[in-house]
Amino acid sequence: METRSAEDIEAATEKLVQDLKAVVRDGEELLRAGARDLTERSVAARERLSSALDGAKATQRRLQEGAVSQARAADRMIRDYPYQALGVAAGLGLLIGILAGRR
């Protein structure tokens, strides 16, 4: 199984949050635009879309809260153990440098 770095996970989470925001924004615009011409089928579709948007908003809030809490936890860990964090960063930099030098 592939392991992902914290930066990769953070970037993927941020992209997901941005995508969810765009979906919610576009869906709300669609709902406003479609409010004029409502047949029975379109009313049902509008209700399903509204429900999906509510779910997307909730997911976006949870992801954003999770990302913020993870960032705070990482910040707290680095502040509590600055020398160990510096050592880990230096070790990873050295390892990456050695691996890049082999190619």
N, C-alpha and C. Protein backbone atom coordinates (compact mmCIF):
# COMPACT_ATOMS: atom_id res chain seq x y z
N MET A 1 0.84 -1.17 0.00
CA MET A 1 0.00 0.00 0.00
C MET A 1 0.89 1.24 0.00
N GLU A 2 0.49 2.24 -0.76
CA GLU A 2 1.27 3.46 -0.89
C GLU A 2 1.05 4.36 0.32
N THR A 3 2.15 4.85 0.90
CA THR A 3 2.03 5.79 2.00
C THR A 3 2.13 7.19 1.44
N ARG A 4 1.33 8.07 2.00
CA ARG A 4 1.31 9.45 1.53
C ARG A 4 1.83 10.34 2.63
N SER A 5 2.54 11.37 2.25
CA SER A 5 3.07 12.30 3.24
C SER A 5 1.96 13.21 3.74
N ALA A 6 2.24 13.86 4.84
CA ALA A 6 1.26 14.79 5.43
C ALA A 6 0.96 15.92 4.46
N GLU A 7 1.97 16.36 3.70
CA GLU A 7 1.75 17.44 2.73
C GLU A 7 0.83 16.98 1.61
N ASP A 8 0.99 15.73 1.15
CA ASP A 8 0.12 15.20 0.10
C ASP A 8 -1.32 15.11 0.59
N ILE A 9 -1.48 14.64 1.80
CA ILE A 9 -2.82 14.51 2.37
C ILE A 9 -3.44 15.89 2.56
N GLU A 10 -2.65 16.82 3.05
CA GLU A 10 -3.16 18.19 3.26
C GLU A 10 -3.55 18.82 1.93
N ALA A 11 -2.72 18.63 0.90
CA ALA A 11 -3.04 19.19 -0.41
C ALA A 11 -4.29 18.55 -1.00
N ALA A 12 -4.43 17.24 -0.84
CA ALA A 12 -5.61 16.55 -1.35
C ALA A 12 -6.86 16.99 -0.61
N THR A 13 -6.74 17.16 0.69
CA THR A 13 -7.88 17.62 1.49
C THR A 13 -8.28 19.03 1.09
N GLU A 14 -7.28 19.90 0.91
CA GLU A 14 -7.58 21.28 0.50
C GLU A 14 -8.24 21.31 -0.86
N LYS A 15 -7.78 20.48 -1.79
CA LYS A 15 -8.40 20.44 -3.12
C LYS A 15 -9.83 19.92 -3.02
N LEU A 16 -10.05 18.92 -2.19
CA LEU A 16 -11.40 18.39 -2.00
C LEU A 16 -12.33 19.44 -1.41
N VAL A 17 -11.83 20.19 -0.45
CA VAL A 17 -12.64 21.25 0.16
C VAL A 17 -12.98 22.30 -0.89
N GLN A 18 -11.99 22.70 -1.69
CA GLN A 18 -12.25 23.70 -2.74
C GLN A 18 -13.25 23.17 -3.77
N ASP A 19 -13.10 21.90 -4.15
CA ASP A 19 -14.04 21.30 -5.10
C ASP A 19 -15.45 21.25 -4.53
N LEU A 20 -15.57 20.90 -3.26
CA LEU A 20 -16.89 20.86 -2.62
C LEU A 20 -17.51 22.25 -2.56
N LYS A 21 -16.69 23.25 -2.28
CA LYS A 21 -17.20 24.62 -2.26
C LYS A 21 -17.73 25.01 -3.65
N ALA A 22 -16.99 24.63 -4.70
CA ALA A 22 -17.43 24.94 -6.06
C ALA A 22 -18.73 24.22 -6.40
N VAL A 23 -18.85 22.96 -6.00
CA VAL A 23 -20.07 22.20 -6.26
C VAL A 23 -21.26 22.84 -5.55
N VAL A 24 -21.06 23.22 -4.31
CA VAL A 24 -22.13 23.84 -3.54
C VAL A 24 -22.54 25.16 -4.19
N ARG A 25 -21.56 25.98 -4.54
CA ARG A 25 -21.84 27.27 -5.17
C ARG A 25 -22.58 27.08 -6.49
N ASP A 26 -22.11 26.16 -7.32
CA ASP A 26 -22.77 25.91 -8.61
C ASP A 26 -24.17 25.34 -8.42
N GLY A 27 -24.33 24.46 -7.46
CA GLY A 27 -25.64 23.87 -7.19
C GLY A 27 -26.63 24.91 -6.70
N GLU A 28 -26.17 25.80 -5.84
CA GLU A 28 -27.06 26.86 -5.36
C GLU A 28 -27.49 27.78 -6.50
N GLU A 29 -26.54 28.10 -7.39
CA GLU A 29 -26.89 28.93 -8.55
C GLU A 29 -27.90 28.21 -9.43
N LEU A 30 -27.72 26.92 -9.62
CA LEU A 30 -28.65 26.14 -10.43
C LEU A 30 -30.04 26.12 -9.79
N LEU A 31 -30.07 25.97 -8.48
CA LEU A 31 -31.36 25.98 -7.79
C LEU A 31 -32.06 27.33 -7.94
N ARG A 32 -31.31 28.40 -7.82
CA ARG A 32 -31.91 29.73 -7.97
C ARG A 32 -32.40 29.95 -9.39
N ALA A 33 -31.61 29.53 -10.37
CA ALA A 33 -31.99 29.72 -11.76
C ALA A 33 -33.19 28.86 -12.14
N GLY A 34 -33.30 27.66 -11.57
CA GLY A 34 -34.38 26.75 -11.92
C GLY A 34 -35.65 26.98 -11.13
N ALA A 35 -35.66 27.94 -10.23
CA ALA A 35 -36.83 28.16 -9.39
C ALA A 35 -38.02 28.71 -10.18
N ARG A 36 -37.78 29.25 -11.35
CA ARG A 36 -38.86 29.85 -12.14
C ARG A 36 -39.72 28.81 -12.85
N ASP A 37 -39.11 27.77 -13.38
CA ASP A 37 -39.82 26.80 -14.21
C ASP A 37 -39.84 25.45 -13.49
N LEU A 38 -40.85 25.22 -12.69
CA LEU A 38 -40.89 24.02 -11.88
C LEU A 38 -42.06 23.11 -12.28
N THR A 39 -41.72 22.02 -12.94
CA THR A 39 -42.71 20.98 -13.18
C THR A 39 -42.61 19.99 -12.04
N GLU A 40 -43.47 18.99 -12.04
CA GLU A 40 -43.45 18.00 -10.96
C GLU A 40 -42.13 17.24 -10.91
N ARG A 41 -41.62 16.87 -12.07
CA ARG A 41 -40.34 16.15 -12.12
C ARG A 41 -39.19 17.05 -11.68
N SER A 42 -39.24 18.30 -12.10
CA SER A 42 -38.15 19.20 -11.73
C SER A 42 -38.19 19.54 -10.25
N VAL A 43 -39.39 19.55 -9.65
CA VAL A 43 -39.50 19.79 -8.21
C VAL A 43 -38.79 18.65 -7.46
N ALA A 44 -39.03 17.41 -7.88
CA ALA A 44 -38.38 16.27 -7.23
C ALA A 44 -36.86 16.32 -7.43
N ALA A 45 -36.45 16.67 -8.64
CA ALA A 45 -35.01 16.77 -8.91
C ALA A 45 -34.39 17.89 -8.08
N ARG A 46 -35.11 18.99 -7.96
CA ARG A 46 -34.61 20.12 -7.18
C ARG A 46 -34.47 19.73 -5.72
N GLU A 47 -35.42 18.97 -5.19
CA GLU A 47 -35.34 18.53 -3.80
C GLU A 47 -34.16 17.58 -3.58
N ARG A 48 -33.93 16.69 -4.55
CA ARG A 48 -32.78 15.78 -4.44
C ARG A 48 -31.47 16.57 -4.49
N LEU A 49 -31.41 17.55 -5.39
CA LEU A 49 -30.20 18.38 -5.49
C LEU A 49 -29.99 19.17 -4.20
N SER A 50 -31.06 19.71 -3.67
CA SER A 50 -30.97 20.46 -2.42
C SER A 50 -30.46 19.57 -1.29
N SER A 51 -30.95 18.35 -1.22
CA SER A 51 -30.50 17.40 -0.21
C SER A 51 -29.02 17.06 -0.40
N ALA A 52 -28.63 16.84 -1.65
CA ALA A 52 -27.22 16.53 -1.94
C ALA A 52 -26.33 17.70 -1.57
N LEU A 53 -26.79 18.92 -1.83
CA LEU A 53 -26.00 20.10 -1.49
C LEU A 53 -25.84 20.24 0.02
N ASP A 54 -26.90 19.95 0.75
CA ASP A 54 -26.81 20.00 2.21
C ASP A 54 -25.77 19.00 2.71
N GLY A 55 -25.77 17.80 2.12
CA GLY A 55 -24.78 16.79 2.48
C GLY A 55 -23.37 17.24 2.13
N ALA A 56 -23.22 17.86 0.97
CA ALA A 56 -21.90 18.35 0.55
C ALA A 56 -21.41 19.45 1.47
N LYS A 57 -22.31 20.33 1.89
CA LYS A 57 -21.92 21.40 2.81
C LYS A 57 -21.45 20.81 4.14
N ALA A 58 -22.17 19.81 4.63
CA ALA A 58 -21.80 19.18 5.90
C ALA A 58 -20.43 18.49 5.77
N THR A 59 -20.23 17.80 4.66
CA THR A 59 -18.95 17.13 4.43
C THR A 59 -17.82 18.14 4.34
N GLN A 60 -18.07 19.25 3.65
CA GLN A 60 -17.05 20.29 3.53
C GLN A 60 -16.69 20.85 4.89
N ARG A 61 -17.69 21.12 5.74
CA ARG A 61 -17.42 21.64 7.08
C ARG A 61 -16.60 20.64 7.90
N ARG A 62 -16.98 19.35 7.83
CA ARG A 62 -16.23 18.33 8.59
C ARG A 62 -14.79 18.24 8.12
N LEU A 63 -14.58 18.26 6.79
CA LEU A 63 -13.23 18.17 6.27
C LEU A 63 -12.40 19.39 6.66
N GLN A 64 -13.02 20.55 6.60
CA GLN A 64 -12.30 21.76 6.95
C GLN A 64 -11.93 21.76 8.44
N GLU A 65 -12.87 21.35 9.29
CA GLU A 65 -12.59 21.27 10.72
C GLU A 65 -11.49 20.25 10.99
N GLY A 66 -11.53 19.11 10.29
CA GLY A 66 -10.50 18.09 10.46
C GLY A 66 -9.13 18.58 10.03
N ALA A 67 -9.09 19.30 8.91
CA ALA A 67 -7.82 19.82 8.42
C ALA A 67 -7.24 20.84 9.40
N VAL A 68 -8.10 21.69 9.94
CA VAL A 68 -7.64 22.69 10.90
C VAL A 68 -7.13 22.02 12.16
N SER A 69 -7.85 21.01 12.65
CA SER A 69 -7.40 20.34 13.87
C SER A 69 -6.09 19.59 13.64
N GLN A 70 -5.93 18.99 12.47
CA GLN A 70 -4.67 18.31 12.15
C GLN A 70 -3.51 19.30 12.07
N ALA A 71 -3.76 20.46 11.47
CA ALA A 71 -2.71 21.48 11.38
C ALA A 71 -2.33 21.98 12.77
N ARG A 72 -3.32 22.17 13.63
CA ARG A 72 -3.03 22.60 15.00
C ARG A 72 -2.25 21.54 15.76
N ALA A 73 -2.61 20.27 15.56
CA ALA A 73 -1.90 19.19 16.23
C ALA A 73 -0.45 19.12 15.77
N ALA A 74 -0.24 19.29 14.48
CA ALA A 74 1.14 19.28 13.95
C ALA A 74 1.92 20.47 14.49
N ASP A 75 1.30 21.63 14.53
CA ASP A 75 1.96 22.82 15.06
C ASP A 75 2.32 22.63 16.53
N ARG A 76 1.38 22.07 17.29
CA ARG A 76 1.61 21.83 18.71
C ARG A 76 2.78 20.85 18.91
N MET A 77 2.81 19.80 18.09
CA MET A 77 3.87 18.80 18.20
C MET A 77 5.24 19.42 17.88
N ILE A 78 5.28 20.24 16.84
CA ILE A 78 6.55 20.88 16.47
C ILE A 78 6.99 21.86 17.55
N ARG A 79 6.04 22.59 18.13
CA ARG A 79 6.39 23.53 19.20
C ARG A 79 6.82 22.80 20.47
N ASP A 80 6.23 21.66 20.75
CA ASP A 80 6.60 20.89 21.95
C ASP A 80 7.96 20.21 21.79
N TYR A 81 8.28 19.79 20.58
CA TYR A 81 9.53 19.06 20.31
C TYR A 81 10.28 19.69 19.13
N PRO A 82 10.78 20.91 19.30
CA PRO A 82 11.39 21.59 18.15
C PRO A 82 12.67 20.92 17.66
N TYR A 83 13.49 20.44 18.56
CA TYR A 83 14.75 19.84 18.13
C TYR A 83 14.52 18.49 17.45
N GLN A 84 13.59 17.72 17.96
CA GLN A 84 13.28 16.46 17.31
C GLN A 84 12.69 16.71 15.91
N ALA A 85 11.82 17.71 15.80
CA ALA A 85 11.23 18.04 14.50
C ALA A 85 12.31 18.48 13.53
N LEU A 86 13.26 19.29 14.01
CA LEU A 86 14.37 19.73 13.17
C LEU A 86 15.23 18.55 12.75
N GLY A 87 15.45 17.62 13.67
CA GLY A 87 16.24 16.43 13.34
C GLY A 87 15.55 15.56 12.31
N VAL A 88 14.26 15.37 12.45
CA VAL A 88 13.51 14.58 11.48
C VAL A 88 13.55 15.25 10.11
N ALA A 89 13.34 16.57 10.08
CA ALA A 89 13.37 17.30 8.80
C ALA A 89 14.75 17.20 8.16
N ALA A 90 15.80 17.34 8.95
CA ALA A 90 17.16 17.24 8.42
C ALA A 90 17.43 15.82 7.90
N GLY A 91 17.00 14.82 8.66
CA GLY A 91 17.20 13.44 8.23
C GLY A 91 16.47 13.14 6.93
N LEU A 92 15.23 13.60 6.82
CA LEU A 92 14.48 13.40 5.57
C LEU A 92 15.13 14.13 4.41
N GLY A 93 15.62 15.34 4.67
CA GLY A 93 16.31 16.09 3.63
C GLY A 93 17.57 15.36 3.16
N LEU A 94 18.32 14.82 4.09
CA LEU A 94 19.52 14.06 3.77
C LEU A 94 19.18 12.82 2.96
N LEU A 95 18.15 12.10 3.38
CA LEU A 95 17.72 10.90 2.68
C LEU A 95 17.27 11.21 1.26
N ILE A 96 16.48 12.26 1.11
CA ILE A 96 16.02 12.67 -0.22
C ILE A 96 17.22 13.10 -1.08
N GLY A 97 18.16 13.82 -0.46
CA GLY A 97 19.34 14.22 -1.20
C GLY A 97 20.18 13.05 -1.69
N ILE A 98 20.33 12.04 -0.84
CA ILE A 98 21.09 10.83 -1.23
C ILE A 98 20.37 10.10 -2.35
N LEU A 99 19.06 9.93 -2.21
CA LEU A 99 18.30 9.24 -3.25
C LEU A 99 18.30 10.01 -4.57
N ALA A 100 18.20 11.31 -4.50
CA ALA A 100 18.22 12.13 -5.73
C ALA A 100 19.61 12.12 -6.36
N GLY A 101 20.64 12.02 -5.54
CA GLY A 101 22.00 12.00 -6.06
C GLY A 101 22.35 10.71 -6.79
N ARG A 102 21.64 9.65 -6.50
CA ARG A 102 21.89 8.36 -7.15
C ARG A 102 21.39 8.32 -8.57
N ARG A 103 20.48 9.17 -8.91
CA ARG A 103 19.88 9.12 -10.25
C ARG A 103 20.66 9.88 -11.20
